[in-house]
Amino acid sequence: MNQPQKRFVYVLRSLKDPTRQYVGRTYDVASRLASHNAGASPKTTKHRPWQVVVLVQFLLEERAEEFQKFLKSASGRAFTKQYFA
């Protein structure tokens, strides 16, 4: 029986500018972080290198997407800065 693939919502912090954070979603955290740090993502290339600050695992893609959208909202950014800084 196949197990569902786990989804992750992550928060990155820039080591160059620790006030900068980035929220994303992936199946493979290590390769996604490497991609951000290699400059493959235009939105994060300017502030690299990055480190993972928070990693939340979900079984359902819909839940991961909802949580990512929340963290990217104004109230979610405030939540992230307060609890994950």
PDB file of N, CA and C in Angstrom:
ATOM      1  N   MET A   1       0.839  -1.182   0.000  1.00  0.00           N
ATOM      2  CA  MET A   1       0.000   0.000   0.000  1.00  0.00           C
ATOM      3  C   MET A   1       0.886   1.247   0.000  1.00  0.00           C
ATOM      4  N   ASN A   2       0.632   2.144  -0.914  1.00  0.00           N
ATOM      5  CA  ASN A   2       1.425   3.360  -1.018  1.00  0.00           C
ATOM      6  C   ASN A   2       1.020   4.372   0.037  1.00  0.00           C
ATOM      7  N   GLN A   3       2.022   4.956   0.682  1.00  0.00           N
ATOM      8  CA  GLN A   3       1.755   6.026   1.629  1.00  0.00           C
ATOM      9  C   GLN A   3       1.724   7.340   0.866  1.00  0.00           C
ATOM     10  N   PRO A   4       0.851   8.262   1.287  1.00  0.00           N
ATOM     11  CA  PRO A   4       0.814   9.552   0.599  1.00  0.00           C
ATOM     12  C   PRO A   4       2.121  10.310   0.824  1.00  0.00           C
ATOM     13  N   GLN A   5       2.516  11.066  -0.190  1.00  0.00           N
ATOM     14  CA  GLN A   5       3.730  11.857  -0.084  1.00  0.00           C
ATOM     15  C   GLN A   5       3.496  13.029   0.871  1.00  0.00           C
ATOM     16  N   LYS A   6       4.432  13.251   1.764  1.00  0.00           N
ATOM     17  CA  LYS A   6       4.295  14.323   2.746  1.00  0.00           C
ATOM     18  C   LYS A   6       4.611  15.663   2.097  1.00  0.00           C
ATOM     19  N   ARG A   7       3.864  16.662   2.525  1.00  0.00           N
ATOM     20  CA  ARG A   7       4.071  18.017   2.035  1.00  0.00           C
ATOM     21  C   ARG A   7       4.596  18.854   3.195  1.00  0.00           C
ATOM     22  N   PHE A   8       5.427  19.816   2.892  1.00  0.00           N
ATOM     23  CA  PHE A   8       6.009  20.668   3.925  1.00  0.00           C
ATOM     24  C   PHE A   8       5.795  22.131   3.572  1.00  0.00           C
ATOM     25  N   VAL A   9       5.435  22.907   4.581  1.00  0.00           N
ATOM     26  CA  VAL A   9       5.452  24.360   4.483  1.00  0.00           C
ATOM     27  C   VAL A   9       6.669  24.781   5.291  1.00  0.00           C
ATOM     28  N   TYR A  10       7.470  25.664   4.713  1.00  0.00           N
ATOM     29  CA  TYR A  10       8.702  26.059   5.382  1.00  0.00           C
ATOM     30  C   TYR A  10       8.820  27.580   5.450  1.00  0.00           C
ATOM     31  N   VAL A  11       9.551  28.028   6.451  1.00  0.00           N
ATOM     32  CA  VAL A  11       9.901  29.435   6.579  1.00  0.00           C
ATOM     33  C   VAL A  11      11.417  29.503   6.550  1.00  0.00           C
ATOM     34  N   LEU A  12      11.936  30.325   5.646  1.00  0.00           N
ATOM     35  CA  LEU A  12      13.373  30.532   5.543  1.00  0.00           C
ATOM     36  C   LEU A  12      13.729  31.899   6.107  1.00  0.00           C
ATOM     37  N   ARG A  13      14.925  32.002   6.646  1.00  0.00           N
ATOM     38  CA  ARG A  13      15.456  33.297   7.085  1.00  0.00           C
ATOM     39  C   ARG A  13      16.755  33.539   6.321  1.00  0.00           C
ATOM     40  N   SER A  14      16.906  34.754   5.860  1.00  0.00           N
ATOM     41  CA  SER A  14      18.123  35.137   5.155  1.00  0.00           C
ATOM     42  C   SER A  14      19.262  35.295   6.155  1.00  0.00           C
ATOM     43  N   LEU A  15      20.402  34.693   5.859  1.00  0.00           N
ATOM     44  CA  LEU A  15      21.583  34.885   6.696  1.00  0.00           C
ATOM     45  C   LEU A  15      22.247  36.219   6.366  1.00  0.00           C
ATOM     46  N   LYS A  16      22.006  36.714   5.175  1.00  0.00           N
ATOM     47  CA  LYS A  16      22.545  38.003   4.750  1.00  0.00           C
ATOM     48  C   LYS A  16      21.786  39.152   5.420  1.00  0.00           C
ATOM     49  N   ASP A  17      20.473  39.013   5.514  1.00  0.00           N
ATOM     50  CA  ASP A  17      19.609  40.018   6.140  1.00  0.00           C
ATOM     51  C   ASP A  17      18.568  39.290   6.985  1.00  0.00           C
ATOM     52  N   PRO A  18      18.874  39.054   8.270  1.00  0.00           N
ATOM     53  CA  PRO A  18      17.984  38.259   9.132  1.00  0.00           C
ATOM     54  C   PRO A  18      16.570  38.807   9.309  1.00  0.00           C
ATOM     55  N   THR A  19      16.304  40.025   8.848  1.00  0.00           N
ATOM     56  CA  THR A  19      14.933  40.544   8.916  1.00  0.00           C
ATOM     57  C   THR A  19      14.082  40.009   7.769  1.00  0.00           C
ATOM     58  N   ARG A  20      14.712  39.384   6.764  1.00  0.00           N
ATOM     59  CA  ARG A  20      14.003  38.857   5.604  1.00  0.00           C
ATOM     60  C   ARG A  20      13.638  37.398   5.813  1.00  0.00           C
ATOM     61  N   GLN A  21      12.372  37.086   5.531  1.00  0.00           N
ATOM     62  CA  GLN A  21      11.895  35.705   5.598  1.00  0.00           C
ATOM     63  C   GLN A  21      11.192  35.364   4.292  1.00  0.00           C
ATOM     64  N   TYR A  22      11.110  34.071   4.022  1.00  0.00           N
ATOM     65  CA  TYR A  22      10.415  33.581   2.834  1.00  0.00           C
ATOM     66  C   TYR A  22       9.618  32.350   3.237  1.00  0.00           C
ATOM     67  N   VAL A  23       8.390  32.254   2.749  1.00  0.00           N
ATOM     68  CA  VAL A  23       7.517  31.116   3.029  1.00  0.00           C
ATOM     69  C   VAL A  23       7.296  30.346   1.740  1.00  0.00           C
ATOM     70  N   GLY A  24       7.439  29.026   1.816  1.00  0.00           N
ATOM     71  CA  GLY A  24       7.230  28.194   0.638  1.00  0.00           C
ATOM     72  C   GLY A  24       6.645  26.839   0.998  1.00  0.00           C
ATOM     73  N   ARG A  25       6.428  26.020  -0.036  1.00  0.00           N
ATOM     74  CA  ARG A  25       5.823  24.690   0.134  1.00  0.00           C
ATOM     75  C   ARG A  25       6.541  23.731  -0.803  1.00  0.00           C
ATOM     76  N   THR A  26       6.831  22.520  -0.322  1.00  0.00           N
ATOM     77  CA  THR A  26       7.565  21.553  -1.127  1.00  0.00           C
ATOM     78  C   THR A  26       7.348  20.134  -0.625  1.00  0.00           C
ATOM     79  N   TYR A  27       7.798  19.182  -1.424  1.00  0.00           N
ATOM     80  CA  TYR A  27       7.843  17.778  -1.011  1.00  0.00           C
ATOM     81  C   TYR A  27       9.240  17.405  -0.531  1.00  0.00           C
ATOM     82  N   ASP A  28      10.249  18.135  -0.991  1.00  0.00           N
ATOM     83  CA  ASP A  28      11.646  17.809  -0.699  1.00  0.00           C
ATOM     84  C   ASP A  28      12.354  19.063  -0.180  1.00  0.00           C
ATOM     85  N   VAL A  29      12.441  19.173   1.124  1.00  0.00           N
ATOM     86  CA  VAL A  29      12.971  20.375   1.764  1.00  0.00           C
ATOM     87  C   VAL A  29      14.445  20.594   1.428  1.00  0.00           C
ATOM     88  N   ALA A  30      15.246  19.564   1.495  1.00  0.00           N
ATOM     89  CA  ALA A  30      16.686  19.705   1.266  1.00  0.00           C
ATOM     90  C   ALA A  30      16.975  20.229  -0.141  1.00  0.00           C
ATOM     91  N   SER A  31      16.320  19.671  -1.147  1.00  0.00           N
ATOM     92  CA  SER A  31      16.586  20.134  -2.510  1.00  0.00           C
ATOM     93  C   SER A  31      16.008  21.526  -2.741  1.00  0.00           C
ATOM     94  N   ARG A  32      14.905  21.827  -2.109  1.00  0.00           N
ATOM     95  CA  ARG A  32      14.312  23.169  -2.264  1.00  0.00           C
ATOM     96  C   ARG A  32      15.203  24.222  -1.622  1.00  0.00           C
ATOM     97  N   LEU A  33      15.746  23.947  -0.446  1.00  0.00           N
ATOM     98  CA  LEU A  33      16.667  24.876   0.204  1.00  0.00           C
ATOM     99  C   LEU A  33      17.915  25.062  -0.656  1.00  0.00           C
ATOM    100  N   ALA A  34      18.440  23.974  -1.182  1.00  0.00           N
ATOM    101  CA  ALA A  34      19.613  24.057  -2.061  1.00  0.00           C
ATOM    102  C   ALA A  34      19.301  24.912  -3.286  1.00  0.00           C
ATOM    103  N   SER A  35      18.103  24.775  -3.821  1.00  0.00           N
ATOM    104  CA  SER A  35      17.684  25.557  -4.977  1.00  0.00           C
ATOM    105  C   SER A  35      17.634  27.053  -4.634  1.00  0.00           C
ATOM    106  N   HIS A  36      17.056  27.382  -3.495  1.00  0.00           N
ATOM    107  CA  HIS A  36      17.018  28.785  -3.053  1.00  0.00           C
ATOM    108  C   HIS A  36      18.441  29.321  -2.895  1.00  0.00           C
ATOM    109  N   ASN A  37      19.307  28.558  -2.270  1.00  0.00           N
ATOM    110  CA  ASN A  37      20.670  29.013  -2.015  1.00  0.00           C
ATOM    111  C   ASN A  37      21.536  29.049  -3.267  1.00  0.00           C
ATOM    112  N   ALA A  38      21.143  28.311  -4.301  1.00  0.00           N
ATOM    113  CA  ALA A  38      21.868  28.331  -5.571  1.00  0.00           C
ATOM    114  C   ALA A  38      21.432  29.498  -6.463  1.00  0.00           C
ATOM    115  N   GLY A  39      20.373  30.189  -6.050  1.00  0.00           N
ATOM    116  CA  GLY A  39      19.894  31.320  -6.835  1.00  0.00           C
ATOM    117  C   GLY A  39      18.885  30.963  -7.896  1.00  0.00           C
ATOM    118  N   ALA A  40      18.292  29.779  -7.819  1.00  0.00           N
ATOM    119  CA  ALA A  40      17.334  29.323  -8.836  1.00  0.00           C
ATOM    120  C   ALA A  40      15.965  29.986  -8.704  1.00  0.00           C
ATOM    121  N   SER A  41      15.696  30.595  -7.570  1.00  0.00           N
ATOM    122  CA  SER A  41      14.404  31.244  -7.359  1.00  0.00           C
ATOM    123  C   SER A  41      14.595  32.766  -7.390  1.00  0.00           C
ATOM    124  N   PRO A  42      14.030  33.449  -8.379  1.00  0.00           N
ATOM    125  CA  PRO A  42      14.230  34.902  -8.504  1.00  0.00           C
ATOM    126  C   PRO A  42      13.825  35.696  -7.250  1.00  0.00           C
ATOM    127  N   LYS A  43      12.810  35.236  -6.535  1.00  0.00           N
ATOM    128  CA  LYS A  43      12.346  35.976  -5.359  1.00  0.00           C
ATOM    129  C   LYS A  43      13.300  35.880  -4.176  1.00  0.00           C
ATOM    130  N   THR A  44      14.162  34.879  -4.153  1.00  0.00           N
ATOM    131  CA  THR A  44      15.037  34.701  -2.995  1.00  0.00           C
ATOM    132  C   THR A  44      16.517  34.878  -3.305  1.00  0.00           C
ATOM    133  N   THR A  45      16.862  35.025  -4.547  1.00  0.00           N
ATOM    134  CA  THR A  45      18.276  35.050  -4.917  1.00  0.00           C
ATOM    135  C   THR A  45      19.034  36.230  -4.312  1.00  0.00           C
ATOM    136  N   LYS A  46      18.398  37.368  -4.194  1.00  0.00           N
ATOM    137  CA  LYS A  46      19.061  38.584  -3.700  1.00  0.00           C
ATOM    138  C   LYS A  46      19.472  38.482  -2.227  1.00  0.00           C
ATOM    139  N   HIS A  47      18.761  37.693  -1.456  1.00  0.00           N
ATOM    140  CA  HIS A  47      18.989  37.651  -0.007  1.00  0.00           C
ATOM    141  C   HIS A  47      19.629  36.351   0.474  1.00  0.00           C
ATOM    142  N   ARG A  48      20.185  35.561  -0.428  1.00  0.00           N
ATOM    143  CA  ARG A  48      20.802  34.307  -0.021  1.00  0.00           C
ATOM    144  C   ARG A  48      22.131  34.555   0.657  1.00  0.00           C
ATOM    145  N   PRO A  49      22.584  33.648   1.463  1.00  0.00           N
ATOM    146  CA  PRO A  49      22.072  32.299   1.732  1.00  0.00           C
ATOM    147  C   PRO A  49      20.905  32.316   2.724  1.00  0.00           C
ATOM    148  N   TRP A  50      20.154  31.219   2.682  1.00  0.00           N
ATOM    149  CA  TRP A  50      18.976  31.034   3.510  1.00  0.00           C
ATOM    150  C   TRP A  50      19.164  29.847   4.445  1.00  0.00           C
ATOM    151  N   GLN A  51      18.432  29.893   5.557  1.00  0.00           N
ATOM    152  CA  GLN A  51      18.379  28.735   6.452  1.00  0.00           C
ATOM    153  C   GLN A  51      16.921  28.469   6.797  1.00  0.00           C
ATOM    154  N   VAL A  52      16.597  27.218   7.051  1.00  0.00           N
ATOM    155  CA  VAL A  52      15.239  26.844   7.446  1.00  0.00           C
ATOM    156  C   VAL A  52      15.055  27.212   8.906  1.00  0.00           C
ATOM    157  N   VAL A  53      13.963  27.936   9.191  1.00  0.00           N
ATOM    158  CA  VAL A  53      13.635  28.331  10.556  1.00  0.00           C
ATOM    159  C   VAL A  53      12.497  27.472  11.096  1.00  0.00           C
ATOM    160  N   VAL A  54      11.519  27.203  10.222  1.00  0.00           N
ATOM    161  CA  VAL A  54      10.338  26.428  10.617  1.00  0.00           C
ATOM    162  C   VAL A  54       9.989  25.478   9.491  1.00  0.00           C
ATOM    163  N   LEU A  55       9.577  24.286   9.886  1.00  0.00           N
ATOM    164  CA  LEU A  55       9.167  23.265   8.928  1.00  0.00           C
ATOM    165  C   LEU A  55       7.933  22.580   9.497  1.00  0.00           C
ATOM    166  N   VAL A  56       6.830  22.633   8.755  1.00  0.00           N
ATOM    167  CA  VAL A  56       5.574  22.025   9.204  1.00  0.00           C
ATOM    168  C   VAL A  56       5.168  20.996   8.156  1.00  0.00           C
ATOM    169  N   GLN A  57       4.899  19.784   8.608  1.00  0.00           N
ATOM    170  CA  GLN A  57       4.549  18.680   7.715  1.00  0.00           C
ATOM    171  C   GLN A  57       3.039  18.485   7.650  1.00  0.00           C
ATOM    172  N   PHE A  58       2.534  18.222   6.444  1.00  0.00           N
ATOM    173  CA  PHE A  58       1.114  17.974   6.218  1.00  0.00           C
ATOM    174  C   PHE A  58       0.949  16.707   5.405  1.00  0.00           C
ATOM    175  N   LEU A  59      -0.139  16.001   5.636  1.00  0.00           N
ATOM    176  CA  LEU A  59      -0.465  14.837   4.825  1.00  0.00           C
ATOM    177  C   LEU A  59      -1.288  15.221   3.601  1.00  0.00           C
ATOM    178  N   LEU A  60      -2.052  16.308   3.711  1.00  0.00           N
ATOM    179  CA  LEU A  60      -2.920  16.734   2.612  1.00  0.00           C
ATOM    180  C   LEU A  60      -2.388  18.018   1.973  1.00  0.00           C
ATOM    181  N   GLU A  61      -2.283  18.015   0.668  1.00  0.00           N
ATOM    182  CA  GLU A  61      -1.810  19.183  -0.079  1.00  0.00           C
ATOM    183  C   GLU A  61      -2.686  20.406   0.198  1.00  0.00           C
ATOM    184  N   GLU A  62      -3.995  20.197   0.305  1.00  0.00           N
ATOM    185  CA  GLU A  62      -4.913  21.314   0.538  1.00  0.00           C
ATOM    186  C   GLU A  62      -4.610  22.021   1.849  1.00  0.00           C
ATOM    187  N   ARG A  63      -4.311  21.265   2.883  1.00  0.00           N
ATOM    188  CA  ARG A  63      -3.990  21.854   4.197  1.00  0.00           C
ATOM    189  C   ARG A  63      -2.671  22.621   4.131  1.00  0.00           C
ATOM    190  N   ALA A  64      -1.702  22.057   3.441  1.00  0.00           N
ATOM    191  CA  ALA A  64      -0.409  22.737   3.282  1.00  0.00           C
ATOM    192  C   ALA A  64      -0.598  24.052   2.535  1.00  0.00           C
ATOM    193  N   GLU A  65      -1.400  24.027   1.477  1.00  0.00           N
ATOM    194  CA  GLU A  65      -1.654  25.230   0.700  1.00  0.00           C
ATOM    195  C   GLU A  65      -2.357  26.297   1.539  1.00  0.00           C
ATOM    196  N   GLU A  66      -3.342  25.888   2.337  1.00  0.00           N
ATOM    197  CA  GLU A  66      -4.061  26.829   3.199  1.00  0.00           C
ATOM    198  C   GLU A  66      -3.115  27.468   4.208  1.00  0.00           C
ATOM    199  N   PHE A  67      -2.250  26.659   4.816  1.00  0.00           N
ATOM    200  CA  PHE A  67      -1.327  27.186   5.817  1.00  0.00           C
ATOM    201  C   PHE A  67      -0.311  28.125   5.166  1.00  0.00           C
ATOM    202  N   GLN A  68       0.180  27.775   3.997  1.00  0.00           N
ATOM    203  CA  GLN A  68       1.115  28.640   3.293  1.00  0.00           C
ATOM    204  C   GLN A  68       0.447  29.978   2.966  1.00  0.00           C
ATOM    205  N   LYS A  69      -0.772  29.944   2.479  1.00  0.00           N
ATOM    206  CA  LYS A  69      -1.494  31.180   2.168  1.00  0.00           C
ATOM    207  C   LYS A  69      -1.671  32.029   3.423  1.00  0.00           C
ATOM    208  N   PHE A  70      -1.985  31.386   4.551  1.00  0.00           N
ATOM    209  CA  PHE A  70      -2.121  32.122   5.800  1.00  0.00           C
ATOM    210  C   PHE A  70      -0.804  32.806   6.162  1.00  0.00           C
ATOM    211  N   LEU A  71       0.315  32.073   6.095  1.00  0.00           N
ATOM    212  CA  LEU A  71       1.601  32.651   6.470  1.00  0.00           C
ATOM    213  C   LEU A  71       2.016  33.793   5.550  1.00  0.00           C
ATOM    214  N   LYS A  72       1.497  33.809   4.322  1.00  0.00           N
ATOM    215  CA  LYS A  72       1.825  34.884   3.388  1.00  0.00           C
ATOM    216  C   LYS A  72       0.876  36.074   3.518  1.00  0.00           C
ATOM    217  N   SER A  73      -0.184  35.939   4.305  1.00  0.00           N
ATOM    218  CA  SER A  73      -1.124  37.038   4.524  1.00  0.00           C
ATOM    219  C   SER A  73      -0.523  38.013   5.549  1.00  0.00           C
ATOM    220  N   ALA A  74      -1.141  39.165   5.702  1.00  0.00           N
ATOM    221  CA  ALA A  74      -0.649  40.162   6.662  1.00  0.00           C
ATOM    222  C   ALA A  74      -0.641  39.602   8.087  1.00  0.00           C
ATOM    223  N   SER A  75      -1.709  38.954   8.486  1.00  0.00           N
ATOM    224  CA  SER A  75      -1.750  38.394   9.840  1.00  0.00           C
ATOM    225  C   SER A  75      -0.783  37.220   9.978  1.00  0.00           C
ATOM    226  N   GLY A  76      -0.603  36.460   8.906  1.00  0.00           N
ATOM    227  CA  GLY A  76       0.347  35.351   8.930  1.00  0.00           C
ATOM    228  C   GLY A  76       1.781  35.833   9.020  1.00  0.00           C
ATOM    229  N   ARG A  77       2.111  36.941   8.323  1.00  0.00           N
ATOM    230  CA  ARG A  77       3.463  37.511   8.425  1.00  0.00           C
ATOM    231  C   ARG A  77       3.728  37.999   9.840  1.00  0.00           C
ATOM    232  N   ALA A  78       2.717  38.621  10.462  1.00  0.00           N
ATOM    233  CA  ALA A  78       2.868  39.072  11.846  1.00  0.00           C
ATOM    234  C   ALA A  78       3.066  37.873  12.772  1.00  0.00           C
ATOM    235  N   PHE A  79       2.291  36.817  12.564  1.00  0.00           N
ATOM    236  CA  PHE A  79       2.431  35.581  13.344  1.00  0.00           C
ATOM    237  C   PHE A  79       3.835  35.012  13.188  1.00  0.00           C
ATOM    238  N   THR A  80       4.321  34.944  11.953  1.00  0.00           N
ATOM    239  CA  THR A  80       5.648  34.405  11.664  1.00  0.00           C
ATOM    240  C   THR A  80       6.729  35.206  12.357  1.00  0.00           C
ATOM    241  N   LYS A  81       6.640  36.529  12.279  1.00  0.00           N
ATOM    242  CA  LYS A  81       7.663  37.376  12.915  1.00  0.00           C
ATOM    243  C   LYS A  81       7.630  37.261  14.432  1.00  0.00           C
ATOM    244  N   GLN A  82       6.439  37.104  14.997  1.00  0.00           N
ATOM    245  CA  GLN A  82       6.331  37.008  16.455  1.00  0.00           C
ATOM    246  C   GLN A  82       6.826  35.659  16.984  1.00  0.00           C
ATOM    247  N   TYR A  83       6.454  34.579  16.321  1.00  0.00           N
ATOM    248  CA  TYR A  83       6.744  33.261  16.866  1.00  0.00           C
ATOM    249  C   TYR A  83       7.936  32.557  16.240  1.00  0.00           C
ATOM    250  N   PHE A  84       8.335  32.936  15.047  1.00  0.00           N
ATOM    251  CA  PHE A  84       9.418  32.235  14.375  1.00  0.00           C
ATOM    252  C   PHE A  84      10.661  33.092  14.172  1.00  0.00           C
ATOM    253  N   ALA A  85      10.704  34.248  14.796  1.00  0.00           N
ATOM    254  CA  ALA A  85      11.845  35.161  14.620  1.00  0.00           C
ATOM    255  C   ALA A  85      13.061  34.680  15.372  1.00  0.00           C
TER     256      ALA A  85
END
